[in-house]
Amino acid sequence: MTPPPRPKQLDSPVLPKIFKYTGKIQVWVYKRTGGRIGGKWRIGAGFRKPVPTLLLEHRGRKSGITHTTPLLYITDGADTIIVASQGGLAKHPQWYHNLRATPDIHIQIGRERHAVRAVTADPQQRARLWPRLVDAYADFDTYQAWTEREIPVVILRPRTALG
């Protein structure tokens, strides 16, 4: 199936600001309701098949400030898998660069907070996980078609399992 054409609005300088403020609202609601509200993504492909959402706490690589970003996820055994898609924009999201600089972070799923280490999937891991991610949220394939970059898949491993 051919993906829909890339929307021109994707290149608007306003879009990152919209993502930033809608994300802040979602984080605020998610934290206050323990994920009962904001814990499922129901936009795009998620409208028919809602996708679970977590909160990613990461430290700014330049500012040192802690940020919280809502992201879709799947699980793979004890690992939690996220995607640095940013809706198919040309650049990786800032949170991805932050994880590469400081991989020991926390995630919140529902009311539970977990210490994890972020690792970018290698080509074999990505090849195995990508179909599962697309099954969870079909728009990931569309986002990949809209950008020249390979969208990173990030594995969040429990830190307790790392010894």
C-alpha atoms as a PDB file:
ATOM      1  CA  MET A   1       0.000   0.000   0.000  1.00  0.00           C
ATOM      2  CA  THR A   2       1.317   3.435  -0.948  1.00  0.00           C
ATOM      3  CA  PRO A   3       1.642   5.873   1.973  1.00  0.00           C
ATOM      4  CA  PRO A   4      -0.299   9.125   1.779  1.00  0.00           C
ATOM      5  CA  PRO A   5       1.651  12.095   0.406  1.00  0.00           C
ATOM      6  CA  ARG A   6       3.834  13.965   2.876  1.00  0.00           C
ATOM      7  CA  PRO A   7       1.833  16.913   4.240  1.00  0.00           C
ATOM      8  CA  LYS A   8       3.376  20.326   3.514  1.00  0.00           C
ATOM      9  CA  GLN A   9       2.523  21.369   7.087  1.00  0.00           C
ATOM     10  CA  LEU A  10       5.184  18.906   8.304  1.00  0.00           C
ATOM     11  CA  ASP A  11       7.832  21.499   7.430  1.00  0.00           C
ATOM     12  CA  SER A  12       6.098  24.357   9.231  1.00  0.00           C
ATOM     13  CA  PRO A  13       8.216  25.991  11.960  1.00  0.00           C
ATOM     14  CA  VAL A  14       5.032  26.073  14.059  1.00  0.00           C
ATOM     15  CA  LEU A  15       4.739  22.265  14.220  1.00  0.00           C
ATOM     16  CA  PRO A  16       7.511  21.670  16.817  1.00  0.00           C
ATOM     17  CA  LYS A  17       5.865  24.284  19.060  1.00  0.00           C
ATOM     18  CA  ILE A  18       2.510  22.536  18.716  1.00  0.00           C
ATOM     19  CA  PHE A  19       4.162  19.180  19.585  1.00  0.00           C
ATOM     20  CA  LYS A  20       5.852  20.803  22.593  1.00  0.00           C
ATOM     21  CA  TYR A  21       2.706  22.336  24.085  1.00  0.00           C
ATOM     22  CA  THR A  22       0.343  19.442  23.375  1.00  0.00           C
ATOM     23  CA  GLY A  23       2.973  17.150  24.895  1.00  0.00           C
ATOM     24  CA  LYS A  24       3.128  19.283  28.055  1.00  0.00           C
ATOM     25  CA  ILE A  25      -0.652  19.106  28.403  1.00  0.00           C
ATOM     26  CA  GLN A  26      -0.637  15.342  27.892  1.00  0.00           C
ATOM     27  CA  VAL A  27       2.131  14.898  30.494  1.00  0.00           C
ATOM     28  CA  TRP A  28       0.245  17.042  33.009  1.00  0.00           C
ATOM     29  CA  VAL A  29      -2.988  15.049  32.558  1.00  0.00           C
ATOM     30  CA  TYR A  30      -1.182  11.676  32.461  1.00  0.00           C
ATOM     31  CA  LYS A  31       0.649  12.351  35.738  1.00  0.00           C
ATOM     32  CA  ARG A  32      -2.492  13.522  37.540  1.00  0.00           C
ATOM     33  CA  THR A  33      -4.575  10.543  36.412  1.00  0.00           C
ATOM     34  CA  GLY A  34      -1.873   7.872  36.603  1.00  0.00           C
ATOM     35  CA  GLY A  35      -2.236   7.342  32.863  1.00  0.00           C
ATOM     36  CA  ARG A  36      -5.993   6.723  32.923  1.00  0.00           C
ATOM     37  CA  ILE A  37      -6.248   9.782  30.682  1.00  0.00           C
ATOM     38  CA  GLY A  38      -3.401  10.175  28.193  1.00  0.00           C
ATOM     39  CA  GLY A  39      -2.238   6.579  28.582  1.00  0.00           C
ATOM     40  CA  LYS A  40      -3.528   5.567  25.122  1.00  0.00           C
ATOM     41  CA  TRP A  41      -2.769   7.289  21.813  1.00  0.00           C
ATOM     42  CA  ARG A  42      -5.951   7.605  19.772  1.00  0.00           C
ATOM     43  CA  ILE A  43      -4.798   9.755  16.841  1.00  0.00           C
ATOM     44  CA  GLY A  44      -4.079   8.595  13.287  1.00  0.00           C
ATOM     45  CA  ALA A  45      -3.819   4.810  13.194  1.00  0.00           C
ATOM     46  CA  GLY A  46      -4.404   4.896  16.956  1.00  0.00           C
ATOM     47  CA  PHE A  47      -7.986   6.055  16.392  1.00  0.00           C
ATOM     48  CA  ARG A  48      -9.102   2.523  15.523  1.00  0.00           C
ATOM     49  CA  LYS A  49      -6.395   0.722  17.480  1.00  0.00           C
ATOM     50  CA  PRO A  50      -5.265   2.766  20.524  1.00  0.00           C
ATOM     51  CA  VAL A  51      -1.585   2.427  21.412  1.00  0.00           C
ATOM     52  CA  PRO A  52      -0.189   2.526  24.974  1.00  0.00           C
ATOM     53  CA  THR A  53       1.710   5.666  25.928  1.00  0.00           C
ATOM     54  CA  LEU A  54       4.487   6.145  28.485  1.00  0.00           C
ATOM     55  CA  LEU A  55       6.240   9.166  29.899  1.00  0.00           C
ATOM     56  CA  LEU A  56       9.957   9.384  29.112  1.00  0.00           C
ATOM     57  CA  GLU A  57      11.999  11.411  31.625  1.00  0.00           C
ATOM     58  CA  HIS A  58      15.293  12.541  30.102  1.00  0.00           C
ATOM     59  CA  ARG A  59      17.950  15.142  30.845  1.00  0.00           C
ATOM     60  CA  GLY A  60      18.772  17.859  28.316  1.00  0.00           C
ATOM     61  CA  ARG A  61      22.259  17.212  27.000  1.00  0.00           C
ATOM     62  CA  LYS A  62      23.026  20.955  26.902  1.00  0.00           C
ATOM     63  CA  SER A  63      20.732  22.420  29.573  1.00  0.00           C
ATOM     64  CA  GLY A  64      20.841  19.596  32.125  1.00  0.00           C
ATOM     65  CA  ILE A  65      17.106  20.199  32.680  1.00  0.00           C
ATOM     66  CA  THR A  66      14.851  17.163  33.110  1.00  0.00           C
ATOM     67  CA  HIS A  67      12.186  16.905  30.420  1.00  0.00           C
ATOM     68  CA  THR A  68       9.199  14.556  30.180  1.00  0.00           C
ATOM     69  CA  THR A  69       7.947  13.399  26.787  1.00  0.00           C
ATOM     70  CA  PRO A  70       4.894  11.220  26.092  1.00  0.00           C
ATOM     71  CA  LEU A  71       5.673   8.411  23.615  1.00  0.00           C
ATOM     72  CA  LEU A  72       4.024   5.337  22.162  1.00  0.00           C
ATOM     73  CA  TYR A  73       5.562   2.025  23.161  1.00  0.00           C
ATOM     74  CA  ILE A  74       5.440  -1.738  22.896  1.00  0.00           C
ATOM     75  CA  THR A  75       7.064  -4.325  25.128  1.00  0.00           C
ATOM     76  CA  ASP A  76       9.549  -7.009  24.161  1.00  0.00           C
ATOM     77  CA  GLY A  77      10.029  -9.310  27.117  1.00  0.00           C
ATOM     78  CA  ALA A  78      11.345  -7.134  29.961  1.00  0.00           C
ATOM     79  CA  ASP A  79      12.291  -4.367  27.517  1.00  0.00           C
ATOM     80  CA  THR A  80      10.170  -1.388  26.491  1.00  0.00           C
ATOM     81  CA  ILE A  81      10.483  -0.259  22.872  1.00  0.00           C
ATOM     82  CA  ILE A  82      10.003   3.314  21.620  1.00  0.00           C
ATOM     83  CA  VAL A  83      10.474   4.986  18.227  1.00  0.00           C
ATOM     84  CA  ALA A  84      12.183   8.313  17.436  1.00  0.00           C
ATOM     85  CA  SER A  85       9.783   9.030  14.564  1.00  0.00           C
ATOM     86  CA  GLN A  86       8.738  12.613  15.343  1.00  0.00           C
ATOM     87  CA  GLY A  87       5.938  12.261  12.797  1.00  0.00           C
ATOM     88  CA  GLY A  88       8.379  11.748   9.928  1.00  0.00           C
ATOM     89  CA  LEU A  89      10.216  15.057  10.359  1.00  0.00           C
ATOM     90  CA  ALA A  90      13.676  15.309   8.761  1.00  0.00           C
ATOM     91  CA  LYS A  91      15.561  15.473  12.092  1.00  0.00           C
ATOM     92  CA  HIS A  92      15.691  13.166  15.071  1.00  0.00           C
ATOM     93  CA  PRO A  93      13.681  14.411  18.069  1.00  0.00           C
ATOM     94  CA  GLN A  94      15.625  16.211  20.793  1.00  0.00           C
ATOM     95  CA  TRP A  95      14.771  13.504  23.315  1.00  0.00           C
ATOM     96  CA  TYR A  96      16.639  10.965  21.154  1.00  0.00           C
ATOM     97  CA  HIS A  97      19.830  13.073  21.216  1.00  0.00           C
ATOM     98  CA  ASN A  98      19.376  13.451  24.988  1.00  0.00           C
ATOM     99  CA  LEU A  99      19.140   9.652  25.433  1.00  0.00           C
ATOM    100  CA  ARG A 100      22.298   9.139  23.426  1.00  0.00           C
ATOM    101  CA  ALA A 101      24.120  11.595  25.722  1.00  0.00           C
ATOM    102  CA  THR A 102      22.572  10.284  28.973  1.00  0.00           C
ATOM    103  CA  PRO A 103      21.104   6.796  28.480  1.00  0.00           C
ATOM    104  CA  ASP A 104      20.232   6.098  32.138  1.00  0.00           C
ATOM    105  CA  ILE A 105      16.735   7.525  32.458  1.00  0.00           C
ATOM    106  CA  HIS A 106      13.278   6.840  33.902  1.00  0.00           C
ATOM    107  CA  ILE A 107       9.968   5.999  32.313  1.00  0.00           C
ATOM    108  CA  GLN A 108       6.494   6.083  33.787  1.00  0.00           C
ATOM    109  CA  ILE A 109       3.832   3.612  32.670  1.00  0.00           C
ATOM    110  CA  GLY A 110       0.556   4.282  34.400  1.00  0.00           C
ATOM    111  CA  ARG A 111       1.512   5.125  37.975  1.00  0.00           C
ATOM    112  CA  GLU A 112       4.709   3.041  37.948  1.00  0.00           C
ATOM    113  CA  ARG A 113       8.126   4.634  37.441  1.00  0.00           C
ATOM    114  CA  HIS A 114      11.002   2.476  36.158  1.00  0.00           C
ATOM    115  CA  ALA A 115      14.764   3.026  35.892  1.00  0.00           C
ATOM    116  CA  VAL A 116      15.926   2.061  32.395  1.00  0.00           C
ATOM    117  CA  ARG A 117      18.933   2.327  30.100  1.00  0.00           C
ATOM    118  CA  ALA A 118      18.277   3.447  26.517  1.00  0.00           C
ATOM    119  CA  VAL A 119      20.065   1.631  23.696  1.00  0.00           C
ATOM    120  CA  THR A 120      19.505   2.269  19.990  1.00  0.00           C
ATOM    121  CA  ALA A 121      18.544  -0.991  18.289  1.00  0.00           C
ATOM    122  CA  ASP A 122      21.194  -2.418  15.974  1.00  0.00           C
ATOM    123  CA  PRO A 123      20.137  -3.308  12.396  1.00  0.00           C
ATOM    124  CA  GLN A 124      19.111  -6.881  13.310  1.00  0.00           C
ATOM    125  CA  GLN A 125      17.133  -5.777  16.362  1.00  0.00           C
ATOM    126  CA  ARG A 126      15.445  -3.023  14.343  1.00  0.00           C
ATOM    127  CA  ALA A 127      14.535  -5.475  11.563  1.00  0.00           C
ATOM    128  CA  ARG A 128      12.933  -7.768  14.155  1.00  0.00           C
ATOM    129  CA  LEU A 129      11.121  -5.015  16.097  1.00  0.00           C
ATOM    130  CA  TRP A 130       9.958  -2.739  13.256  1.00  0.00           C
ATOM    131  CA  PRO A 131       7.122  -5.037  12.029  1.00  0.00           C
ATOM    132  CA  ARG A 132       5.838  -5.315  15.617  1.00  0.00           C
ATOM    133  CA  LEU A 133       5.938  -1.528  16.007  1.00  0.00           C
ATOM    134  CA  VAL A 134       4.062  -1.050  12.723  1.00  0.00           C
ATOM    135  CA  ASP A 135       1.514  -3.640  13.833  1.00  0.00           C
ATOM    136  CA  ALA A 136       0.954  -1.596  16.995  1.00  0.00           C
ATOM    137  CA  TYR A 137       0.845   1.740  15.118  1.00  0.00           C
ATOM    138  CA  ALA A 138       0.666   1.558  11.313  1.00  0.00           C
ATOM    139  CA  ASP A 139       1.581   5.249  10.912  1.00  0.00           C
ATOM    140  CA  PHE A 140       5.229   4.436  11.771  1.00  0.00           C
ATOM    141  CA  ASP A 141       5.614   3.024   8.225  1.00  0.00           C
ATOM    142  CA  THR A 142       4.112   6.223   6.800  1.00  0.00           C
ATOM    143  CA  TYR A 143       6.483   8.365   8.865  1.00  0.00           C
ATOM    144  CA  GLN A 144       9.457   6.324   7.599  1.00  0.00           C
ATOM    145  CA  ALA A 145       8.295   6.895   4.002  1.00  0.00           C
ATOM    146  CA  TRP A 146       8.119  10.663   4.631  1.00  0.00           C
ATOM    147  CA  THR A 147      11.728  11.067   5.759  1.00  0.00           C
ATOM    148  CA  GLU A 148      15.194  10.366   4.355  1.00  0.00           C
ATOM    149  CA  ARG A 149      16.586   9.385   7.773  1.00  0.00           C
ATOM    150  CA  GLU A 150      16.250   5.908   9.191  1.00  0.00           C
ATOM    151  CA  ILE A 151      13.921   6.303  12.140  1.00  0.00           C
ATOM    152  CA  PRO A 152      15.683   4.938  15.231  1.00  0.00           C
ATOM    153  CA  VAL A 153      14.137   2.223  17.359  1.00  0.00           C
ATOM    154  CA  VAL A 154      15.158   2.562  21.011  1.00  0.00           C
ATOM    155  CA  ILE A 155      15.254  -0.310  23.479  1.00  0.00           C
ATOM    156  CA  LEU A 156      14.679   0.669  27.107  1.00  0.00           C
ATOM    157  CA  ARG A 157      16.203  -2.040  29.292  1.00  0.00           C
ATOM    158  CA  PRO A 158      15.450  -2.275  33.019  1.00  0.00           C
ATOM    159  CA  ARG A 159      18.562  -1.127  34.873  1.00  0.00           C
ATOM    160  CA  THR A 160      18.116  -3.813  37.505  1.00  0.00           C
ATOM    161  CA  ALA A 161      18.585  -6.418  34.747  1.00  0.00           C
ATOM    162  CA  LEU A 162      21.932  -4.860  33.820  1.00  0.00           C
ATOM    163  CA  GLY A 163      23.562  -5.901  37.063  1.00  0.00           C
END
